[in-house]
Each structure stands twice: as structure tokens, then as C-alpha cells.
Amino acid sequence: MTIGKSIRLERILNRDTGRTIIVPLDHGVSVGPIEGIADMREAVTNIVAGGANAVLMHKGVVRCGHRARGRDVGLIIHLSASTNLSPYPNAKTLVCTVEEAIRLGADAVSVHVNLGDETEARMLDDLGMVTEAAASWSVPVLAMVYARGPKVRNEFDADVVAHCARVGNELGADMVKVPYTGDPDSFARVVAGCCVPVVIAGGPKTDSTRGFLTMIADSVMAGGTGLSVGRNIFQDPDPARLLQAVTAIVHENASVDAAMKMLGRE
């Protein structure tokens, strides 16, 4: 790994714990200005106040507030896009280049791939080209890899998720984001098959704070590197406070009970 890439990764991964809390704010392209990210400056301010390591967003909203007063935060620019208005919402296309992301001040870039989709070949080609371009600039790549297509029966199956993580690893990503498999033992198998950091996705908004925190704690216990979660954080009634509890779990090895006590929730 080059010095430049190591320096940039330290803006995404906590240098003491080697773990990370990433909050994606890229949902505006896929579903519009939903609750929690309508005001990007407010969203980023809450995220930074809670102690997240990095935010992830599309290129056009960097100007709307990617930093907050009082504390810096890592910036990951997402290169892939599709909308839920499309007849093919799982077909991601590149809408930004590595070079453009660098000009915007990115510390890393991310690419989304849906294995099993009819356009899988193009998305794999895109990931390969991005990792090559990023390597020439010493820019880390986060690969978001999911199994979504007509042949996929269960996208959370441990073997399927392990395959997703390995694809990102094999095609040159420096970190991969995959769904959580539901329990620590099966997720440990996912991590074991991947020699780069693995973070979990959050999925749809959940009504159970304890369940959300338990998922995070279990994934870290299984060897995961942390999380890249959007709606379950920025749509919480108090995102900053929730992130403080998440930070305690990820970076301080706090228990779920201790984190819930911090929140004053049951």
C-alpha cells in the first residue's frame, strides 16, 4: 500500500481501533430528498457531532455541506447511481470519475455493484476500471456489493454475502460493504474470506434501536470493521446521540446495554 493511500485511509478508519463508522448520504439520487437528508448541512452537522469517521455522498452535494464546525470528517464520494423510478433500479452506472472526486477533495471513492442483475457484467467492468484509476492516484475504494437478481433467493445467505465480499476484494477494493448475515458465526465466515476490511450495510429503517445496536456489536465481534449505515442513523430522532452510542460500541467495545443506557432508551 502506498503512503498516499495509507494517509487517506486514516481519514476513513480510526487509526487506533482500525474500525470505522461511515454514514452514507447518497439516497437523494435513488429515492429523493427523504427525511433526514433534505438539509445536507444539518445532516452532516449531526453526523459529525456524533463522532462518525466519514460521510459518503454524491459529487453535487459536496458543495451543500460536507464539513461541519468543530470537527473534520472523512469524505467518500460515491461514483455509482440509479433511481427507483427506473424500470432497472439495480443497474448502477458511473456518474463521476476518480479524478473528479479528487478535485472535490475526496479521501476515498465508492462503487456499487449488484451481483445477479442483468447488467452485472457492466458493473463489474466499472468496478475494475475504478480500482485501476484509483490505484494510480493512491485513492482508497469502497465497494458496495450486494446480490440482487432473478437467481438470488436470499441476499443475506452467508455463502452469498461471502461471495459478494470476495468479489469486491478480488477486483481491487480496499474495503467492502455487504449486508449483515444475521448472526456472528455466519458473518465471521464472510470476514474470513476477505483480506480487506468489511463493513455492514444498514438496510431499511428499523424500529428497534436495540436490534440495530446488537447487529453492529455482533458484526464487530465477528471481525467486521464497522458499518456504513444511512437511514437507521440520519432518520433517528437524535442522530448525534445515536452515533455517540454507536461510537462507544465500535471504538470502545461498549456493550449494547451500556450503549442503550447512554441513549436512555429501552
C-alpha atoms as a PDB file:
ATOM      1  CA  MET A   1       0.000   0.000   0.000  1.00  0.00           C
ATOM      2  CA  THR A   2       1.339   3.442  -0.917  1.00  0.00           C
ATOM      3  CA  ILE A   3       1.901   6.166   1.654  1.00  0.00           C
ATOM      4  CA  GLY A   4      -0.753   8.304  -0.018  1.00  0.00           C
ATOM      5  CA  LYS A   5      -3.373   5.579   0.255  1.00  0.00           C
ATOM      6  CA  SER A   6      -2.427   4.906   3.890  1.00  0.00           C
ATOM      7  CA  ILE A   7      -2.826   8.579   4.755  1.00  0.00           C
ATOM      8  CA  ARG A   8      -6.236   8.737   3.072  1.00  0.00           C
ATOM      9  CA  LEU A   9      -7.408   5.533   4.758  1.00  0.00           C
ATOM     10  CA  GLU A  10      -6.571   7.068   8.127  1.00  0.00           C
ATOM     11  CA  ARG A  11      -9.255   9.660   7.375  1.00  0.00           C
ATOM     12  CA  ILE A  12     -11.769   6.835   6.982  1.00  0.00           C
ATOM     13  CA  LEU A  13     -10.550   4.270   9.529  1.00  0.00           C
ATOM     14  CA  ASN A  14      -9.857   5.196  13.142  1.00  0.00           C
ATOM     15  CA  ARG A  15      -6.081   4.831  13.426  1.00  0.00           C
ATOM     16  CA  ASP A  16      -6.294   3.479  16.982  1.00  0.00           C
ATOM     17  CA  THR A  17      -9.024   0.881  16.525  1.00  0.00           C
ATOM     18  CA  GLY A  18      -8.768   0.176  12.798  1.00  0.00           C
ATOM     19  CA  ARG A  19     -12.569   0.421  12.660  1.00  0.00           C
ATOM     20  CA  THR A  20     -14.930   2.916  11.088  1.00  0.00           C
ATOM     21  CA  ILE A  21     -18.375   4.489  11.199  1.00  0.00           C
ATOM     22  CA  ILE A  22     -19.434   5.695   7.761  1.00  0.00           C
ATOM     23  CA  VAL A  23     -22.757   7.443   7.200  1.00  0.00           C
ATOM     24  CA  PRO A  24     -23.941   7.348   3.567  1.00  0.00           C
ATOM     25  CA  LEU A  25     -25.946  10.361   2.414  1.00  0.00           C
ATOM     26  CA  ASP A  26     -26.307   9.292  -1.219  1.00  0.00           C
ATOM     27  CA  HIS A  27     -30.011   8.382  -1.026  1.00  0.00           C
ATOM     28  CA  GLY A  28     -31.142  11.589  -2.736  1.00  0.00           C
ATOM     29  CA  VAL A  29     -30.352  10.164  -6.177  1.00  0.00           C
ATOM     30  CA  SER A  30     -32.131   6.854  -5.640  1.00  0.00           C
ATOM     31  CA  VAL A  31     -35.185   7.985  -3.650  1.00  0.00           C
ATOM     32  CA  GLY A  32     -35.108  11.791  -3.460  1.00  0.00           C
ATOM     33  CA  PRO A  33     -34.709  14.259  -0.551  1.00  0.00           C
ATOM     34  CA  ILE A  34     -36.094  11.964   2.142  1.00  0.00           C
ATOM     35  CA  GLU A  35     -36.413  12.776   5.831  1.00  0.00           C
ATOM     36  CA  GLY A  36     -33.033  13.279   7.458  1.00  0.00           C
ATOM     37  CA  ILE A  37     -31.117  14.446   4.389  1.00  0.00           C
ATOM     38  CA  ALA A  38     -33.347  17.185   2.973  1.00  0.00           C
ATOM     39  CA  ASP A  39     -30.984  19.695   4.615  1.00  0.00           C
ATOM     40  CA  MET A  40     -27.482  18.353   3.988  1.00  0.00           C
ATOM     41  CA  ARG A  41     -25.734  20.885   6.195  1.00  0.00           C
ATOM     42  CA  GLU A  42     -27.870  19.878   9.156  1.00  0.00           C
ATOM     43  CA  ALA A  43     -27.389  16.202   8.384  1.00  0.00           C
ATOM     44  CA  VAL A  44     -23.598  16.485   8.263  1.00  0.00           C
ATOM     45  CA  THR A  45     -23.535  18.622  11.411  1.00  0.00           C
ATOM     46  CA  ASN A  46     -25.438  15.924  13.319  1.00  0.00           C
ATOM     47  CA  ILE A  47     -23.209  13.184  11.969  1.00  0.00           C
ATOM     48  CA  VAL A  48     -20.001  14.979  12.878  1.00  0.00           C
ATOM     49  CA  ALA A  49     -21.333  15.827  16.343  1.00  0.00           C
ATOM     50  CA  GLY A  50     -21.978  12.139  16.931  1.00  0.00           C
ATOM     51  CA  GLY A  51     -18.419  11.133  16.100  1.00  0.00           C
ATOM     52  CA  ALA A  52     -18.715   9.414  12.703  1.00  0.00           C
ATOM     53  CA  ASN A  53     -15.466   8.833  10.873  1.00  0.00           C
ATOM     54  CA  ALA A  54     -16.723   9.622   7.369  1.00  0.00           C
ATOM     55  CA  VAL A  55     -19.680  10.679   5.265  1.00  0.00           C
ATOM     56  CA  LEU A  56     -20.443   9.337   1.801  1.00  0.00           C
ATOM     57  CA  MET A  57     -22.228  11.437  -0.809  1.00  0.00           C
ATOM     58  CA  HIS A  58     -22.605  12.222  -4.493  1.00  0.00           C
ATOM     59  CA  LYS A  59     -20.434  14.878  -6.101  1.00  0.00           C
ATOM     60  CA  GLY A  60     -23.072  17.579  -6.477  1.00  0.00           C
ATOM     61  CA  VAL A  61     -23.955  17.863  -2.794  1.00  0.00           C
ATOM     62  CA  VAL A  62     -20.392  18.258  -1.554  1.00  0.00           C
ATOM     63  CA  ARG A  63     -20.930  21.998  -2.035  1.00  0.00           C
ATOM     64  CA  CYS A  64     -24.053  21.791   0.152  1.00  0.00           C
ATOM     65  CA  GLY A  65     -22.091  20.917   3.239  1.00  0.00           C
ATOM     66  CA  HIS A  66     -19.588  18.093   3.646  1.00  0.00           C
ATOM     67  CA  ARG A  67     -17.896  19.608   6.689  1.00  0.00           C
ATOM     68  CA  ALA A  68     -19.230  20.912   9.991  1.00  0.00           C
ATOM     69  CA  ARG A  69     -17.919  23.391  12.507  1.00  0.00           C
ATOM     70  CA  GLY A  70     -15.873  21.984  15.353  1.00  0.00           C
ATOM     71  CA  ARG A  71     -14.582  18.760  13.815  1.00  0.00           C
ATOM     72  CA  ASP A  72     -13.420  17.385  10.490  1.00  0.00           C
ATOM     73  CA  VAL A  73     -14.804  14.228   8.884  1.00  0.00           C
ATOM     74  CA  GLY A  74     -13.634  11.944   6.105  1.00  0.00           C
ATOM     75  CA  LEU A  75     -15.244  12.366   2.678  1.00  0.00           C
ATOM     76  CA  ILE A  76     -16.121   9.454   0.389  1.00  0.00           C
ATOM     77  CA  ILE A  77     -17.592  10.362  -2.983  1.00  0.00           C
ATOM     78  CA  HIS A  78     -19.946   7.806  -4.482  1.00  0.00           C
ATOM     79  CA  LEU A  79     -19.386   7.159  -8.182  1.00  0.00           C
ATOM     80  CA  SER A  80     -22.447   4.981  -8.929  1.00  0.00           C
ATOM     81  CA  ALA A  81     -26.103   5.899  -9.395  1.00  0.00           C
ATOM     82  CA  SER A  82     -29.577   4.704 -10.317  1.00  0.00           C
ATOM     83  CA  THR A  83     -33.083   5.803  -9.324  1.00  0.00           C
ATOM     84  CA  ASN A  84     -36.096   3.896  -8.053  1.00  0.00           C
ATOM     85  CA  LEU A  85     -38.071   5.491 -10.900  1.00  0.00           C
ATOM     86  CA  SER A  86     -36.167   3.376 -13.406  1.00  0.00           C
ATOM     87  CA  PRO A  87     -37.506   0.045 -14.659  1.00  0.00           C
ATOM     88  CA  TYR A  88     -33.999  -1.246 -13.812  1.00  0.00           C
ATOM     89  CA  PRO A  89     -33.200   0.291 -10.402  1.00  0.00           C
ATOM     90  CA  ASN A  90     -30.461  -2.266  -9.659  1.00  0.00           C
ATOM     91  CA  ALA A  91     -28.481  -1.319 -12.763  1.00  0.00           C
ATOM     92  CA  LYS A  92     -25.896   1.121 -11.437  1.00  0.00           C
ATOM     93  CA  THR A  93     -23.990   3.407 -13.778  1.00  0.00           C
ATOM     94  CA  LEU A  94     -20.902   5.549 -13.185  1.00  0.00           C
ATOM     95  CA  VAL A  95     -21.695   9.253 -12.853  1.00  0.00           C
ATOM     96  CA  CYS A  96     -18.360  10.513 -11.523  1.00  0.00           C
ATOM     97  CA  THR A  97     -14.685   9.745 -12.105  1.00  0.00           C
ATOM     98  CA  VAL A  98     -11.879   9.221  -9.625  1.00  0.00           C
ATOM     99  CA  GLU A  99     -10.182  12.363 -10.905  1.00  0.00           C
ATOM    100  CA  GLU A 100     -13.303  14.472 -10.406  1.00  0.00           C
ATOM    101  CA  ALA A 101     -13.665  13.113  -6.872  1.00  0.00           C
ATOM    102  CA  ILE A 102     -10.062  14.062  -6.116  1.00  0.00           C
ATOM    103  CA  ARG A 103     -10.684  17.605  -7.355  1.00  0.00           C
ATOM    104  CA  LEU A 104     -13.617  17.807  -4.924  1.00  0.00           C
ATOM    105  CA  GLY A 105     -11.380  16.801  -2.017  1.00  0.00           C
ATOM    106  CA  ALA A 106     -12.388  13.157  -1.618  1.00  0.00           C
ATOM    107  CA  ASP A 107     -10.453  10.945   0.765  1.00  0.00           C
ATOM    108  CA  ALA A 108     -11.911   7.837  -0.920  1.00  0.00           C
ATOM    109  CA  VAL A 109     -14.425   6.805  -3.572  1.00  0.00           C
ATOM    110  CA  SER A 110     -17.139   4.150  -3.622  1.00  0.00           C
ATOM    111  CA  VAL A 111     -18.763   1.971  -6.279  1.00  0.00           C
ATOM    112  CA  HIS A 112     -21.997  -0.050  -6.063  1.00  0.00           C
ATOM    113  CA  VAL A 113     -22.298  -3.475  -7.705  1.00  0.00           C
ATOM    114  CA  ASN A 114     -25.398  -5.693  -7.711  1.00  0.00           C
ATOM    115  CA  LEU A 115     -24.369  -9.270  -8.438  1.00  0.00           C
ATOM    116  CA  GLY A 116     -27.016 -11.263 -10.278  1.00  0.00           C
ATOM    117  CA  ASP A 117     -28.547  -8.293 -12.034  1.00  0.00           C
ATOM    118  CA  GLU A 118     -28.857  -8.480 -15.802  1.00  0.00           C
ATOM    119  CA  THR A 119     -26.285  -5.675 -16.045  1.00  0.00           C
ATOM    120  CA  GLU A 120     -23.787  -7.327 -13.674  1.00  0.00           C
ATOM    121  CA  ALA A 121     -21.095  -7.508 -16.378  1.00  0.00           C
ATOM    122  CA  ARG A 122     -21.097  -3.755 -16.870  1.00  0.00           C
ATOM    123  CA  MET A 123     -20.994  -3.055 -13.122  1.00  0.00           C
ATOM    124  CA  LEU A 124     -18.066  -5.449 -12.660  1.00  0.00           C
ATOM    125  CA  ASP A 125     -16.274  -3.733 -15.534  1.00  0.00           C
ATOM    126  CA  ASP A 126     -16.919  -0.367 -13.894  1.00  0.00           C
ATOM    127  CA  LEU A 127     -15.501  -1.568 -10.562  1.00  0.00           C
ATOM    128  CA  GLY A 128     -12.402  -2.912 -12.258  1.00  0.00           C
ATOM    129  CA  MET A 129     -11.792   0.345 -14.107  1.00  0.00           C
ATOM    130  CA  VAL A 130     -12.351   2.426 -10.958  1.00  0.00           C
ATOM    131  CA  THR A 131      -9.926   0.396  -8.839  1.00  0.00           C
ATOM    132  CA  GLU A 132      -7.284   0.750 -11.559  1.00  0.00           C
ATOM    133  CA  ALA A 133      -7.762   4.504 -11.833  1.00  0.00           C
ATOM    134  CA  ALA A 134      -7.883   4.931  -8.061  1.00  0.00           C
ATOM    135  CA  ALA A 135      -4.664   2.948  -7.601  1.00  0.00           C
ATOM    136  CA  SER A 136      -2.839   5.345  -9.923  1.00  0.00           C
ATOM    137  CA  TRP A 137      -3.845   8.217  -7.613  1.00  0.00           C
ATOM    138  CA  SER A 138      -3.423   6.265  -4.328  1.00  0.00           C
ATOM    139  CA  VAL A 139      -7.126   6.730  -3.549  1.00  0.00           C
ATOM    140  CA  PRO A 140      -8.925   4.031  -1.493  1.00  0.00           C
ATOM    141  CA  VAL A 141     -12.009   2.353  -2.979  1.00  0.00           C
ATOM    142  CA  LEU A 142     -15.044   1.154  -1.033  1.00  0.00           C
ATOM    143  CA  ALA A 143     -17.000  -1.487  -2.972  1.00  0.00           C
ATOM    144  CA  MET A 144     -20.665  -1.868  -2.020  1.00  0.00           C
ATOM    145  CA  VAL A 145     -21.537  -5.352  -3.247  1.00  0.00           C
ATOM    146  CA  TYR A 146     -24.973  -6.932  -2.947  1.00  0.00           C
ATOM    147  CA  ALA A 147     -26.671  -9.962  -4.515  1.00  0.00           C
ATOM    148  CA  ARG A 148     -29.830  -8.780  -6.260  1.00  0.00           C
ATOM    149  CA  GLY A 149     -31.222 -10.586  -9.258  1.00  0.00           C
ATOM    150  CA  PRO A 150     -33.571 -13.295 -10.507  1.00  0.00           C
ATOM    151  CA  LYS A 151     -31.262 -16.141  -9.406  1.00  0.00           C
ATOM    152  CA  VAL A 152     -30.759 -14.759  -5.884  1.00  0.00           C
ATOM    153  CA  ARG A 153     -33.070 -16.477  -3.398  1.00  0.00           C
ATOM    154  CA  ASN A 154     -31.673 -14.917  -0.218  1.00  0.00           C
ATOM    155  CA  GLU A 155     -29.320 -11.942  -0.378  1.00  0.00           C
ATOM    156  CA  PHE A 156     -28.460 -12.405   3.326  1.00  0.00           C
ATOM    157  CA  ASP A 157     -27.318 -16.027   2.982  1.00  0.00           C
ATOM    158  CA  ALA A 158     -23.792 -16.308   4.382  1.00  0.00           C
ATOM    159  CA  ASP A 159     -22.372 -18.007   1.282  1.00  0.00           C
ATOM    160  CA  VAL A 160     -23.926 -15.362  -0.947  1.00  0.00           C
ATOM    161  CA  VAL A 161     -22.649 -12.480   1.206  1.00  0.00           C
ATOM    162  CA  ALA A 162     -19.194 -14.070   1.386  1.00  0.00           C
ATOM    163  CA  HIS A 163     -19.216 -14.239  -2.421  1.00  0.00           C
ATOM    164  CA  CYS A 164     -20.131 -10.531  -2.577  1.00  0.00           C
ATOM    165  CA  ALA A 165     -17.298  -9.569  -0.232  1.00  0.00           C
ATOM    166  CA  ARG A 166     -14.802 -11.685  -2.133  1.00  0.00           C
ATOM    167  CA  VAL A 167     -15.767 -10.125  -5.463  1.00  0.00           C
ATOM    168  CA  GLY A 168     -15.016  -6.647  -4.107  1.00  0.00           C
ATOM    169  CA  ASN A 169     -11.749  -7.906  -2.629  1.00  0.00           C
ATOM    170  CA  GLU A 170     -10.666  -9.702  -5.807  1.00  0.00           C
ATOM    171  CA  LEU A 171     -11.400  -6.744  -8.065  1.00  0.00           C
ATOM    172  CA  GLY A 172      -9.152  -4.424  -6.072  1.00  0.00           C
ATOM    173  CA  ALA A 173     -11.324  -2.648  -3.493  1.00  0.00           C
ATOM    174  CA  ASP A 174      -9.646  -1.531  -0.275  1.00  0.00           C
ATOM    175  CA  MET A 175     -12.828  -2.027   1.766  1.00  0.00           C
ATOM    176  CA  VAL A 176     -16.100  -3.830   1.078  1.00  0.00           C
ATOM    177  CA  LYS A 177     -19.637  -3.162   2.260  1.00  0.00           C
ATOM    178  CA  VAL A 178     -22.083  -6.061   2.408  1.00  0.00           C
ATOM    179  CA  PRO A 179     -25.328  -6.948   4.198  1.00  0.00           C
ATOM    180  CA  TYR A 180     -25.127  -8.463   7.670  1.00  0.00           C
ATOM    181  CA  THR A 181     -25.860 -12.182   7.604  1.00  0.00           C
ATOM    182  CA  GLY A 182     -27.894 -12.210  10.833  1.00  0.00           C
ATOM    183  CA  ASP A 183     -25.533 -13.799  13.345  1.00  0.00           C
ATOM    184  CA  PRO A 184     -21.845 -13.522  14.354  1.00  0.00           C
ATOM    185  CA  ASP A 185     -20.822 -17.069  13.360  1.00  0.00           C
ATOM    186  CA  SER A 186     -22.000 -16.774   9.775  1.00  0.00           C
ATOM    187  CA  PHE A 187     -20.637 -13.234   9.430  1.00  0.00           C
ATOM    188  CA  ALA A 188     -17.252 -14.411  10.721  1.00  0.00           C
ATOM    189  CA  ARG A 189     -17.129 -16.691   7.666  1.00  0.00           C
ATOM    190  CA  VAL A 190     -17.692 -13.657   5.435  1.00  0.00           C
ATOM    191  CA  VAL A 191     -14.846 -11.766   7.086  1.00  0.00           C
ATOM    192  CA  ALA A 192     -12.532 -14.793   6.966  1.00  0.00           C
ATOM    193  CA  GLY A 193     -12.891 -14.999   3.185  1.00  0.00           C
ATOM    194  CA  CYS A 194     -11.883 -11.380   2.620  1.00  0.00           C
ATOM    195  CA  CYS A 195      -8.424  -9.880   3.256  1.00  0.00           C
ATOM    196  CA  VAL A 196      -9.624  -6.248   3.298  1.00  0.00           C
ATOM    197  CA  PRO A 197     -11.876  -4.536   5.888  1.00  0.00           C
ATOM    198  CA  VAL A 198     -15.551  -5.500   5.794  1.00  0.00           C
ATOM    199  CA  VAL A 199     -18.309  -3.121   6.929  1.00  0.00           C
ATOM    200  CA  ILE A 200     -22.017  -3.846   7.189  1.00  0.00           C
ATOM    201  CA  ALA A 201     -24.904  -2.092   5.484  1.00  0.00           C
ATOM    202  CA  GLY A 202     -27.943  -0.956   7.422  1.00  0.00           C
ATOM    203  CA  GLY A 203     -30.802  -1.716   5.085  1.00  0.00           C
ATOM    204  CA  PRO A 204     -34.297  -0.216   5.580  1.00  0.00           C
ATOM    205  CA  LYS A 205     -35.087   1.894   8.638  1.00  0.00           C
ATOM    206  CA  THR A 206     -35.681  -0.301  11.685  1.00  0.00           C
ATOM    207  CA  ASP A 207     -37.951   0.466  14.631  1.00  0.00           C
ATOM    208  CA  SER A 208     -35.711  -1.332  17.120  1.00  0.00           C
ATOM    209  CA  THR A 209     -32.747   0.650  18.390  1.00  0.00           C
ATOM    210  CA  ARG A 210     -31.572  -2.304  20.477  1.00  0.00           C
ATOM    211  CA  GLY A 211     -31.756  -4.582  17.452  1.00  0.00           C
ATOM    212  CA  PHE A 212     -29.755  -2.095  15.385  1.00  0.00           C
ATOM    213  CA  LEU A 213     -27.045  -1.749  18.034  1.00  0.00           C
ATOM    214  CA  THR A 214     -26.934  -5.509  18.559  1.00  0.00           C
ATOM    215  CA  MET A 215     -26.320  -6.024  14.837  1.00  0.00           C
ATOM    216  CA  ILE A 216     -23.388  -3.602  14.994  1.00  0.00           C
ATOM    217  CA  ALA A 217     -21.901  -5.165  18.132  1.00  0.00           C
ATOM    218  CA  ASP A 218     -22.244  -8.701  16.759  1.00  0.00           C
ATOM    219  CA  SER A 219     -20.656  -7.774  13.430  1.00  0.00           C
ATOM    220  CA  VAL A 220     -17.652  -6.214  15.164  1.00  0.00           C
ATOM    221  CA  MET A 221     -17.343  -9.236  17.471  1.00  0.00           C
ATOM    222  CA  ALA A 222     -17.248 -11.403  14.335  1.00  0.00           C
ATOM    223  CA  GLY A 223     -14.276  -9.445  12.979  1.00  0.00           C
ATOM    224  CA  GLY A 224     -16.067  -6.767  10.995  1.00  0.00           C
ATOM    225  CA  THR A 225     -14.539  -3.313  10.648  1.00  0.00           C
ATOM    226  CA  GLY A 226     -17.671  -1.332  11.469  1.00  0.00           C
ATOM    227  CA  LEU A 227     -20.585  -0.015   9.496  1.00  0.00           C
ATOM    228  CA  SER A 228     -21.745   2.062   6.582  1.00  0.00           C
ATOM    229  CA  VAL A 229     -25.319   2.889   7.557  1.00  0.00           C
ATOM    230  CA  GLY A 230     -27.562   5.731   6.426  1.00  0.00           C
ATOM    231  CA  ARG A 231     -31.284   5.726   7.214  1.00  0.00           C
ATOM    232  CA  ASN A 232     -31.018   3.999  10.574  1.00  0.00           C
ATOM    233  CA  ILE A 233     -28.805   6.872  11.651  1.00  0.00           C
ATOM    234  CA  PHE A 234     -29.870  10.052   9.857  1.00  0.00           C
ATOM    235  CA  GLN A 235     -33.592   9.279  10.273  1.00  0.00           C
ATOM    236  CA  ASP A 236     -33.251   8.673  14.005  1.00  0.00           C
ATOM    237  CA  PRO A 237     -34.933  11.317  16.218  1.00  0.00           C
ATOM    238  CA  ASP A 238     -31.483  12.214  17.598  1.00  0.00           C
ATOM    239  CA  PRO A 239     -28.776  11.162  15.097  1.00  0.00           C
ATOM    240  CA  ALA A 240     -25.905  12.735  17.027  1.00  0.00           C
ATOM    241  CA  ARG A 241     -26.768  10.968  20.251  1.00  0.00           C
ATOM    242  CA  LEU A 242     -27.333   7.655  18.492  1.00  0.00           C
ATOM    243  CA  LEU A 243     -23.935   7.967  16.831  1.00  0.00           C
ATOM    244  CA  GLN A 244     -22.325   8.561  20.205  1.00  0.00           C
ATOM    245  CA  ALA A 245     -23.727   5.214  21.320  1.00  0.00           C
ATOM    246  CA  VAL A 246     -22.583   3.555  18.093  1.00  0.00           C
ATOM    247  CA  THR A 247     -19.127   5.072  18.585  1.00  0.00           C
ATOM    248  CA  ALA A 248     -18.957   3.565  22.074  1.00  0.00           C
ATOM    249  CA  ILE A 249     -19.675   0.108  20.629  1.00  0.00           C
ATOM    250  CA  VAL A 250     -17.395   0.305  17.591  1.00  0.00           C
ATOM    251  CA  HIS A 251     -14.404   2.157  19.009  1.00  0.00           C
ATOM    252  CA  GLU A 252     -14.639   1.488  22.756  1.00  0.00           C
ATOM    253  CA  ASN A 253     -16.067  -2.062  22.761  1.00  0.00           C
ATOM    254  CA  ALA A 254     -19.017  -0.965  24.908  1.00  0.00           C
ATOM    255  CA  SER A 255     -21.869  -3.403  25.435  1.00  0.00           C
ATOM    256  CA  VAL A 256     -25.281  -2.942  23.869  1.00  0.00           C
ATOM    257  CA  ASP A 257     -26.748  -2.454  27.349  1.00  0.00           C
ATOM    258  CA  ALA A 258     -24.229   0.323  28.047  1.00  0.00           C
ATOM    259  CA  ALA A 259     -24.999   1.965  24.703  1.00  0.00           C
ATOM    260  CA  MET A 260     -28.737   1.798  25.365  1.00  0.00           C
ATOM    261  CA  LYS A 261     -28.165   3.367  28.774  1.00  0.00           C
ATOM    262  CA  MET A 262     -26.295   6.225  27.085  1.00  0.00           C
ATOM    263  CA  LEU A 263     -29.364   6.785  24.912  1.00  0.00           C
ATOM    264  CA  GLY A 264     -31.831   6.458  27.730  1.00  0.00           C
ATOM    265  CA  ARG A 265     -33.842   4.000  25.655  1.00  0.00           C
ATOM    266  CA  GLU A 266     -35.173   0.512  26.249  1.00  0.00           C
END
